[in-house]
Amino acid sequence: MTTGDPAREFTMIQSAPLMLLADPDAFVSVQLA
């Protein structure tokens, strides 16, 4: 993920709930990365 890219940030925020439901561990890893 490119740091400081608004489009990517927005996509991550919008897809967060789906990711959380699909794979909580992966979601946490992304948030901590």
C-alpha atoms as a PDB file:
ATOM      1  CA  MET A   1       0.000   0.000   0.000  1.00  0.00           C
ATOM      2  CA  THR A   2       1.347   3.385  -0.985  1.00  0.00           C
ATOM      3  CA  THR A   3       1.697   5.703   1.993  1.00  0.00           C
ATOM      4  CA  GLY A   4      -0.086   9.018   1.590  1.00  0.00           C
ATOM      5  CA  ASP A   5      -2.201   7.953  -1.389  1.00  0.00           C
ATOM      6  CA  PRO A   6      -5.737   9.303  -0.717  1.00  0.00           C
ATOM      7  CA  ALA A   7      -7.385   6.938  -3.195  1.00  0.00           C
ATOM      8  CA  ARG A   8      -5.761   3.884  -1.604  1.00  0.00           C
ATOM      9  CA  GLU A   9      -6.527   5.139   1.895  1.00  0.00           C
ATOM     10  CA  PHE A  10     -10.175   5.682   0.946  1.00  0.00           C
ATOM     11  CA  THR A  11     -10.418   2.199  -0.572  1.00  0.00           C
ATOM     12  CA  MET A  12      -8.965   0.623   2.567  1.00  0.00           C
ATOM     13  CA  ILE A  13     -11.393   2.523   4.793  1.00  0.00           C
ATOM     14  CA  GLN A  14     -14.383   1.569   2.637  1.00  0.00           C
ATOM     15  CA  SER A  15     -13.383  -2.110   2.397  1.00  0.00           C
ATOM     16  CA  ALA A  16     -12.394  -2.441   6.067  1.00  0.00           C
ATOM     17  CA  PRO A  17     -15.749  -3.929   7.232  1.00  0.00           C
ATOM     18  CA  LEU A  18     -15.683  -6.538   4.451  1.00  0.00           C
ATOM     19  CA  MET A  19     -12.093  -7.455   5.274  1.00  0.00           C
ATOM     20  CA  LEU A  20     -12.945  -7.704   8.962  1.00  0.00           C
ATOM     21  CA  LEU A  21     -15.765 -10.130   8.227  1.00  0.00           C
ATOM     22  CA  ALA A  22     -13.718 -12.140   5.741  1.00  0.00           C
ATOM     23  CA  ASP A  23     -10.443 -12.441   7.668  1.00  0.00           C
ATOM     24  CA  PRO A  24     -10.000 -10.656  11.038  1.00  0.00           C
ATOM     25  CA  ASP A  25      -6.340 -11.694  11.324  1.00  0.00           C
ATOM     26  CA  ALA A  26      -5.504 -10.253   7.906  1.00  0.00           C
ATOM     27  CA  PHE A  27      -7.438  -7.101   8.761  1.00  0.00           C
ATOM     28  CA  VAL A  28      -5.412  -6.630  11.946  1.00  0.00           C
ATOM     29  CA  SER A  29      -2.170  -7.244  10.046  1.00  0.00           C
ATOM     30  CA  VAL A  30      -3.087  -4.534   7.525  1.00  0.00           C
ATOM     31  CA  GLN A  31      -3.975  -2.069  10.273  1.00  0.00           C
ATOM     32  CA  LEU A  32      -0.675  -2.701  12.070  1.00  0.00           C
ATOM     33  CA  ALA A  33       1.423  -2.570   8.913  1.00  0.00           C
END
